[in-house]
Amino acid sequence: MAHKLKKSKAQELLEKLFTATVEKTERVPKGFFNVDTWCKKLDLERSRASQYLVAGVRGGILEERKFRTFEKGRYYRRRFFREIV
């Protein structure tokens, strides 16, 4: 007969948080594009486009947000950028 260990409240909370966040993607709002899309729009290499995007965020021209996406069989947290209008 197997004995089931009693879980603490902290363990139960951690389990609830884990199940709430695992395998959930976030919908990317309209107007936000990832670095690869900006590379195509700007006709630049990825590293140069990233430098310009970061500079745009620092300068207040662009907004950066991170979203959880599902790509190539994995979940990733990716950076997305949009122009501040």
N, C-alpha and C. Protein backbone atom coordinates (compact mmCIF):
# COMPACT_ATOMS: atom_id res chain seq x y z
N MET A 1 0.83 -1.17 0.00
CA MET A 1 0.00 0.00 0.00
C MET A 1 0.89 1.24 0.00
N ALA A 2 0.72 2.08 -1.00
CA ALA A 2 1.54 3.28 -1.13
C ALA A 2 0.96 4.40 -0.28
N HIS A 3 1.85 5.08 0.38
CA HIS A 3 1.43 6.22 1.20
C HIS A 3 1.62 7.49 0.40
N LYS A 4 0.59 8.30 0.38
CA LYS A 4 0.66 9.57 -0.33
C LYS A 4 1.13 10.65 0.64
N LEU A 5 2.20 11.35 0.26
CA LEU A 5 2.72 12.41 1.11
C LEU A 5 1.81 13.64 1.02
N LYS A 6 1.63 14.27 2.15
CA LYS A 6 0.79 15.46 2.18
C LYS A 6 1.60 16.64 1.64
N LYS A 7 1.01 17.37 0.70
CA LYS A 7 1.69 18.51 0.10
C LYS A 7 1.47 19.75 0.96
N SER A 8 2.51 20.56 1.03
CA SER A 8 2.37 21.82 1.75
C SER A 8 1.60 22.81 0.89
N LYS A 9 1.15 23.89 1.49
CA LYS A 9 0.40 24.90 0.75
C LYS A 9 1.28 25.55 -0.32
N ALA A 10 2.55 25.71 0.00
CA ALA A 10 3.48 26.30 -0.97
C ALA A 10 3.65 25.39 -2.18
N GLN A 11 3.73 24.09 -1.95
CA GLN A 11 3.86 23.14 -3.06
C GLN A 11 2.61 23.14 -3.92
N GLU A 12 1.45 23.21 -3.28
CA GLU A 12 0.19 23.26 -4.03
C GLU A 12 0.11 24.53 -4.87
N LEU A 13 0.53 25.66 -4.29
CA LEU A 13 0.52 26.92 -5.03
C LEU A 13 1.48 26.86 -6.21
N LEU A 14 2.66 26.32 -5.99
CA LEU A 14 3.64 26.19 -7.07
C LEU A 14 3.11 25.31 -8.18
N GLU A 15 2.44 24.24 -7.84
CA GLU A 15 1.86 23.34 -8.83
C GLU A 15 0.78 24.06 -9.65
N LYS A 16 -0.05 24.86 -9.00
CA LYS A 16 -1.09 25.61 -9.71
C LYS A 16 -0.47 26.64 -10.65
N LEU A 17 0.57 27.34 -10.18
CA LEU A 17 1.24 28.33 -11.03
C LEU A 17 1.89 27.67 -12.23
N PHE A 18 2.51 26.53 -12.02
CA PHE A 18 3.18 25.81 -13.10
C PHE A 18 2.17 25.37 -14.17
N THR A 19 1.06 24.79 -13.75
CA THR A 19 0.07 24.33 -14.72
C THR A 19 -0.61 25.50 -15.43
N ALA A 20 -0.68 26.65 -14.77
CA ALA A 20 -1.31 27.82 -15.40
C ALA A 20 -0.43 28.43 -16.49
N THR A 21 0.88 28.26 -16.37
CA THR A 21 1.78 28.90 -17.33
C THR A 21 2.37 27.96 -18.37
N VAL A 22 2.41 26.68 -18.08
CA VAL A 22 3.03 25.74 -19.00
C VAL A 22 2.16 25.56 -20.24
N GLU A 23 2.82 25.53 -21.38
CA GLU A 23 2.18 25.26 -22.66
C GLU A 23 1.03 26.23 -22.97
N LYS A 24 1.27 27.48 -22.68
CA LYS A 24 0.29 28.49 -23.05
C LYS A 24 0.99 29.54 -23.88
N THR A 25 0.45 29.83 -25.04
CA THR A 25 1.01 30.88 -25.87
C THR A 25 0.23 32.16 -25.66
N GLU A 26 0.87 33.27 -25.94
CA GLU A 26 0.22 34.55 -25.82
C GLU A 26 -0.05 35.09 -27.21
N ARG A 27 -1.17 35.69 -27.39
CA ARG A 27 -1.52 36.29 -28.68
C ARG A 27 -0.75 37.60 -28.83
N VAL A 28 -0.05 37.71 -29.93
CA VAL A 28 0.74 38.91 -30.21
C VAL A 28 -0.21 39.95 -30.81
N PRO A 29 -0.30 41.13 -30.18
CA PRO A 29 -1.20 42.17 -30.70
C PRO A 29 -0.78 42.66 -32.09
N LYS A 30 -1.75 43.18 -32.79
CA LYS A 30 -1.52 43.70 -34.13
C LYS A 30 -0.50 44.84 -34.08
N GLY A 31 0.42 44.83 -35.02
CA GLY A 31 1.43 45.89 -35.09
C GLY A 31 2.77 45.51 -34.51
N PHE A 32 2.82 44.44 -33.72
CA PHE A 32 4.08 43.97 -33.15
C PHE A 32 4.70 42.95 -34.09
N PHE A 33 6.00 43.10 -34.35
CA PHE A 33 6.72 42.17 -35.22
C PHE A 33 7.99 41.71 -34.54
N ASN A 34 8.38 40.47 -34.80
CA ASN A 34 9.61 39.95 -34.21
C ASN A 34 10.82 40.43 -35.02
N VAL A 35 12.01 40.12 -34.54
CA VAL A 35 13.24 40.61 -35.16
C VAL A 35 13.35 40.12 -36.61
N ASP A 36 12.97 38.87 -36.86
CA ASP A 36 13.07 38.33 -38.22
C ASP A 36 12.21 39.11 -39.21
N THR A 37 11.02 39.48 -38.80
CA THR A 37 10.13 40.27 -39.66
C THR A 37 10.72 41.65 -39.91
N TRP A 38 11.27 42.26 -38.86
CA TRP A 38 11.91 43.56 -39.04
C TRP A 38 13.11 43.47 -39.97
N CYS A 39 13.84 42.36 -39.93
CA CYS A 39 14.98 42.16 -40.84
C CYS A 39 14.51 42.26 -42.29
N LYS A 40 13.42 41.61 -42.60
CA LYS A 40 12.88 41.64 -43.96
C LYS A 40 12.37 43.02 -44.33
N LYS A 41 11.69 43.69 -43.38
CA LYS A 41 11.15 45.03 -43.64
C LYS A 41 12.26 46.04 -43.89
N LEU A 42 13.33 45.94 -43.10
CA LEU A 42 14.42 46.91 -43.19
C LEU A 42 15.52 46.47 -44.17
N ASP A 43 15.43 45.24 -44.65
CA ASP A 43 16.43 44.67 -45.55
C ASP A 43 17.82 44.73 -44.93
N LEU A 44 17.91 44.21 -43.68
CA LEU A 44 19.17 44.19 -42.93
C LEU A 44 19.44 42.79 -42.40
N GLU A 45 20.70 42.55 -42.04
CA GLU A 45 21.05 41.31 -41.34
C GLU A 45 20.43 41.35 -39.94
N ARG A 46 20.28 40.16 -39.36
CA ARG A 46 19.63 40.05 -38.06
C ARG A 46 20.34 40.86 -36.97
N SER A 47 21.65 40.77 -36.91
CA SER A 47 22.38 41.46 -35.85
C SER A 47 22.26 42.98 -35.99
N ARG A 48 22.34 43.50 -37.21
CA ARG A 48 22.22 44.94 -37.43
C ARG A 48 20.79 45.41 -37.14
N ALA A 49 19.80 44.63 -37.55
CA ALA A 49 18.41 44.99 -37.27
C ALA A 49 18.17 45.02 -35.76
N SER A 50 18.73 44.05 -35.03
CA SER A 50 18.57 44.02 -33.57
C SER A 50 19.17 45.26 -32.93
N GLN A 51 20.33 45.69 -33.43
CA GLN A 51 20.97 46.89 -32.89
C GLN A 51 20.08 48.12 -33.11
N TYR A 52 19.53 48.25 -34.30
CA TYR A 52 18.64 49.38 -34.59
C TYR A 52 17.37 49.32 -33.76
N LEU A 53 16.82 48.13 -33.56
CA LEU A 53 15.60 48.00 -32.78
C LEU A 53 15.83 48.39 -31.33
N VAL A 54 16.93 47.92 -30.76
CA VAL A 54 17.26 48.28 -29.37
C VAL A 54 17.49 49.79 -29.25
N ALA A 55 18.18 50.37 -30.23
CA ALA A 55 18.39 51.82 -30.22
C ALA A 55 17.06 52.56 -30.33
N GLY A 56 16.14 52.04 -31.13
CA GLY A 56 14.82 52.64 -31.26
C GLY A 56 14.03 52.59 -29.97
N VAL A 57 14.17 51.51 -29.22
CA VAL A 57 13.49 51.39 -27.93
C VAL A 57 14.08 52.40 -26.95
N ARG A 58 15.41 52.49 -26.92
CA ARG A 58 16.07 53.45 -26.03
C ARG A 58 15.71 54.90 -26.38
N GLY A 59 15.54 55.15 -27.66
CA GLY A 59 15.20 56.49 -28.11
C GLY A 59 13.73 56.84 -28.02
N GLY A 60 12.90 55.88 -27.64
CA GLY A 60 11.48 56.14 -27.49
C GLY A 60 10.70 56.08 -28.79
N ILE A 61 11.31 55.54 -29.84
CA ILE A 61 10.64 55.42 -31.14
C ILE A 61 9.85 54.13 -31.24
N LEU A 62 10.38 53.07 -30.60
CA LEU A 62 9.75 51.75 -30.65
C LEU A 62 9.38 51.27 -29.26
N GLU A 63 8.41 50.39 -29.21
CA GLU A 63 8.00 49.72 -27.97
C GLU A 63 8.39 48.26 -28.08
N GLU A 64 8.96 47.71 -27.01
CA GLU A 64 9.35 46.29 -27.00
C GLU A 64 8.52 45.55 -25.96
N ARG A 65 8.03 44.37 -26.35
CA ARG A 65 7.32 43.49 -25.42
C ARG A 65 7.73 42.06 -25.73
N LYS A 66 7.65 41.21 -24.71
CA LYS A 66 7.99 39.80 -24.88
C LYS A 66 6.72 38.98 -24.79
N PHE A 67 6.60 38.04 -25.73
CA PHE A 67 5.44 37.15 -25.76
C PHE A 67 5.91 35.71 -25.86
N ARG A 68 5.14 34.82 -25.29
CA ARG A 68 5.44 33.39 -25.35
C ARG A 68 4.79 32.84 -26.62
N THR A 69 5.63 32.26 -27.49
CA THR A 69 5.14 31.73 -28.76
C THR A 69 5.54 30.26 -28.90
N PHE A 70 4.85 29.57 -29.79
CA PHE A 70 5.15 28.16 -30.06
C PHE A 70 5.70 28.07 -31.47
N GLU A 71 6.96 27.64 -31.59
CA GLU A 71 7.61 27.53 -32.89
C GLU A 71 8.45 26.26 -32.92
N LYS A 72 8.41 25.59 -34.04
CA LYS A 72 9.26 24.41 -34.27
C LYS A 72 9.16 23.38 -33.14
N GLY A 73 7.95 23.19 -32.62
CA GLY A 73 7.73 22.18 -31.60
C GLY A 73 8.16 22.59 -30.20
N ARG A 74 8.47 23.86 -29.98
CA ARG A 74 8.90 24.35 -28.66
C ARG A 74 8.23 25.65 -28.32
N TYR A 75 8.20 25.96 -27.05
CA TYR A 75 7.70 27.25 -26.59
C TYR A 75 8.89 28.18 -26.37
N TYR A 76 8.79 29.38 -26.88
CA TYR A 76 9.84 30.38 -26.75
C TYR A 76 9.25 31.68 -26.25
N ARG A 77 10.06 32.45 -25.53
CA ARG A 77 9.69 33.81 -25.19
C ARG A 77 10.48 34.69 -26.14
N ARG A 78 9.76 35.38 -27.03
CA ARG A 78 10.38 36.17 -28.09
C ARG A 78 10.11 37.67 -27.88
N ARG A 79 11.04 38.47 -28.36
CA ARG A 79 10.88 39.92 -28.32
C ARG A 79 10.14 40.39 -29.57
N PHE A 80 9.18 41.26 -29.37
CA PHE A 80 8.42 41.85 -30.46
C PHE A 80 8.48 43.36 -30.31
N PHE A 81 8.50 44.05 -31.44
CA PHE A 81 8.63 45.50 -31.45
C PHE A 81 7.51 46.11 -32.31
N ARG A 82 7.14 47.35 -31.94
CA ARG A 82 6.21 48.10 -32.77
C ARG A 82 6.55 49.58 -32.65
N GLU A 83 6.16 50.31 -33.67
CA GLU A 83 6.36 51.76 -33.65
C GLU A 83 5.39 52.39 -32.66
N ILE A 84 5.88 53.37 -31.94
CA ILE A 84 5.01 54.14 -31.04
C ILE A 84 4.39 55.25 -31.87
N VAL A 85 3.09 55.25 -31.91
CA VAL A 85 2.38 56.23 -32.75
C VAL A 85 1.90 57.38 -31.91
